[in-house]
Amino acid sequence: MDTPTAWTVIVVLWLAPLAHVALSPRSGPLLPPAGSRCPFGPRLGWIVIVLVAGALGWLMFWNARYRRPRTLPGE
């Protein structure tokens, strides 16, 4: 594999999903909910999953996004 192809694979399968999860408003807050014993919020948790699992973690994020019920602001 030549260098440009390797960089393309890294960007497409690892950095792009990581940026999507980090910037998506559906990933949840960065800080944990009040009263939680976990030091990580939902967004940071998803970032770690995508960081470790790459494109597979991104697919897990996509699957989880549509399984949660949508709530309107103020509910």
C-alpha atoms as a PDB file:
ATOM      1  CA  MET A   1       0.000   0.000   0.000  1.00  0.00           C
ATOM      2  CA  ASP A   2       1.427   3.356  -0.948  1.00  0.00           C
ATOM      3  CA  THR A   3       1.467   6.364   1.364  1.00  0.00           C
ATOM      4  CA  PRO A   4      -1.467   8.360  -0.091  1.00  0.00           C
ATOM      5  CA  THR A   5      -3.713   5.295   0.019  1.00  0.00           C
ATOM      6  CA  ALA A   6      -2.746   4.612   3.622  1.00  0.00           C
ATOM      7  CA  TRP A   7      -3.538   8.194   4.647  1.00  0.00           C
ATOM      8  CA  THR A   8      -6.868   8.020   2.817  1.00  0.00           C
ATOM      9  CA  VAL A   9      -7.813   4.860   4.698  1.00  0.00           C
ATOM     10  CA  ILE A  10      -6.835   6.435   8.040  1.00  0.00           C
ATOM     11  CA  VAL A  11      -8.800   9.619   7.376  1.00  0.00           C
ATOM     12  CA  VAL A  12     -11.907   7.936   5.978  1.00  0.00           C
ATOM     13  CA  LEU A  13     -12.188   5.007   8.379  1.00  0.00           C
ATOM     14  CA  TRP A  14     -10.888   6.588  11.588  1.00  0.00           C
ATOM     15  CA  LEU A  15     -10.670  10.398  11.674  1.00  0.00           C
ATOM     16  CA  ALA A  16     -13.918  11.197   9.833  1.00  0.00           C
ATOM     17  CA  PRO A  17     -16.083   9.017  12.131  1.00  0.00           C
ATOM     18  CA  LEU A  18     -14.260  10.424  15.154  1.00  0.00           C
ATOM     19  CA  ALA A  19     -14.968  13.994  14.023  1.00  0.00           C
ATOM     20  CA  HIS A  20     -18.602  13.132  13.307  1.00  0.00           C
ATOM     21  CA  VAL A  21     -19.169  11.739  16.807  1.00  0.00           C
ATOM     22  CA  ALA A  22     -17.323  14.640  18.431  1.00  0.00           C
ATOM     23  CA  LEU A  23     -19.371  17.273  16.587  1.00  0.00           C
ATOM     24  CA  SER A  24     -22.774  15.578  16.447  1.00  0.00           C
ATOM     25  CA  PRO A  25     -25.425  17.116  18.707  1.00  0.00           C
ATOM     26  CA  ARG A  26     -26.986  13.653  19.101  1.00  0.00           C
ATOM     27  CA  SER A  27     -23.911  12.291  20.920  1.00  0.00           C
ATOM     28  CA  GLY A  28     -25.051  13.808  24.180  1.00  0.00           C
ATOM     29  CA  PRO A  29     -23.285  16.148  26.595  1.00  0.00           C
ATOM     30  CA  LEU A  30     -19.544  16.060  27.206  1.00  0.00           C
ATOM     31  CA  LEU A  31     -19.965  16.069  30.986  1.00  0.00           C
ATOM     32  CA  PRO A  32     -21.785  13.318  32.901  1.00  0.00           C
ATOM     33  CA  PRO A  33     -25.318  13.880  34.199  1.00  0.00           C
ATOM     34  CA  ALA A  34     -25.687  15.249  37.725  1.00  0.00           C
ATOM     35  CA  GLY A  35     -25.523  12.521  40.332  1.00  0.00           C
ATOM     36  CA  SER A  36     -23.731  10.088  38.049  1.00  0.00           C
ATOM     37  CA  ARG A  37     -20.872   8.076  39.480  1.00  0.00           C
ATOM     38  CA  CYS A  38     -19.194   7.732  36.090  1.00  0.00           C
ATOM     39  CA  PRO A  39     -16.562  10.412  35.338  1.00  0.00           C
ATOM     40  CA  PHE A  40     -17.330  10.397  31.586  1.00  0.00           C
ATOM     41  CA  GLY A  41     -20.277  11.882  29.753  1.00  0.00           C
ATOM     42  CA  PRO A  42     -22.021  10.171  26.840  1.00  0.00           C
ATOM     43  CA  ARG A  43     -20.126  12.136  24.172  1.00  0.00           C
ATOM     44  CA  LEU A  44     -16.729  11.320  25.645  1.00  0.00           C
ATOM     45  CA  GLY A  45     -17.759   7.684  25.936  1.00  0.00           C
ATOM     46  CA  TRP A  46     -18.682   7.544  22.251  1.00  0.00           C
ATOM     47  CA  ILE A  47     -15.445   9.292  21.315  1.00  0.00           C
ATOM     48  CA  VAL A  48     -13.461   6.621  23.182  1.00  0.00           C
ATOM     49  CA  ILE A  49     -15.446   3.821  21.520  1.00  0.00           C
ATOM     50  CA  VAL A  50     -14.859   5.259  18.037  1.00  0.00           C
ATOM     51  CA  LEU A  51     -11.210   5.972  18.868  1.00  0.00           C
ATOM     52  CA  VAL A  52     -10.633   2.322  19.768  1.00  0.00           C
ATOM     53  CA  ALA A  53     -12.982   0.580  17.326  1.00  0.00           C
ATOM     54  CA  GLY A  54     -12.770   2.969  14.343  1.00  0.00           C
ATOM     55  CA  ALA A  55     -15.456   2.461  11.705  1.00  0.00           C
ATOM     56  CA  LEU A  56     -17.074  -0.341  13.716  1.00  0.00           C
ATOM     57  CA  GLY A  57     -17.523   2.041  16.671  1.00  0.00           C
ATOM     58  CA  TRP A  58     -19.054   4.584  14.306  1.00  0.00           C
ATOM     59  CA  LEU A  59     -21.569   1.999  13.121  1.00  0.00           C
ATOM     60  CA  MET A  60     -22.391   1.277  16.764  1.00  0.00           C
ATOM     61  CA  PHE A  61     -22.961   5.026  17.274  1.00  0.00           C
ATOM     62  CA  TRP A  62     -25.272   5.186  14.243  1.00  0.00           C
ATOM     63  CA  ASN A  63     -27.243   2.206  15.503  1.00  0.00           C
ATOM     64  CA  ALA A  64     -27.599   3.687  18.999  1.00  0.00           C
ATOM     65  CA  ARG A  65     -28.645   7.114  17.663  1.00  0.00           C
ATOM     66  CA  TYR A  66     -31.820   5.756  16.153  1.00  0.00           C
ATOM     67  CA  ARG A  67     -32.706   3.345  18.949  1.00  0.00           C
ATOM     68  CA  ARG A  68     -33.140   6.104  21.533  1.00  0.00           C
ATOM     69  CA  PRO A  69     -36.492   7.880  21.544  1.00  0.00           C
ATOM     70  CA  ARG A  70     -36.349  11.465  20.463  1.00  0.00           C
ATOM     71  CA  THR A  71     -37.282  14.040  23.061  1.00  0.00           C
ATOM     72  CA  LEU A  72     -38.278  17.585  22.426  1.00  0.00           C
ATOM     73  CA  PRO A  73     -36.494  20.451  24.197  1.00  0.00           C
ATOM     74  CA  GLY A  74     -38.091  21.194  27.532  1.00  0.00           C
ATOM     75  CA  GLU A  75     -39.372  17.651  28.158  1.00  0.00           C
END
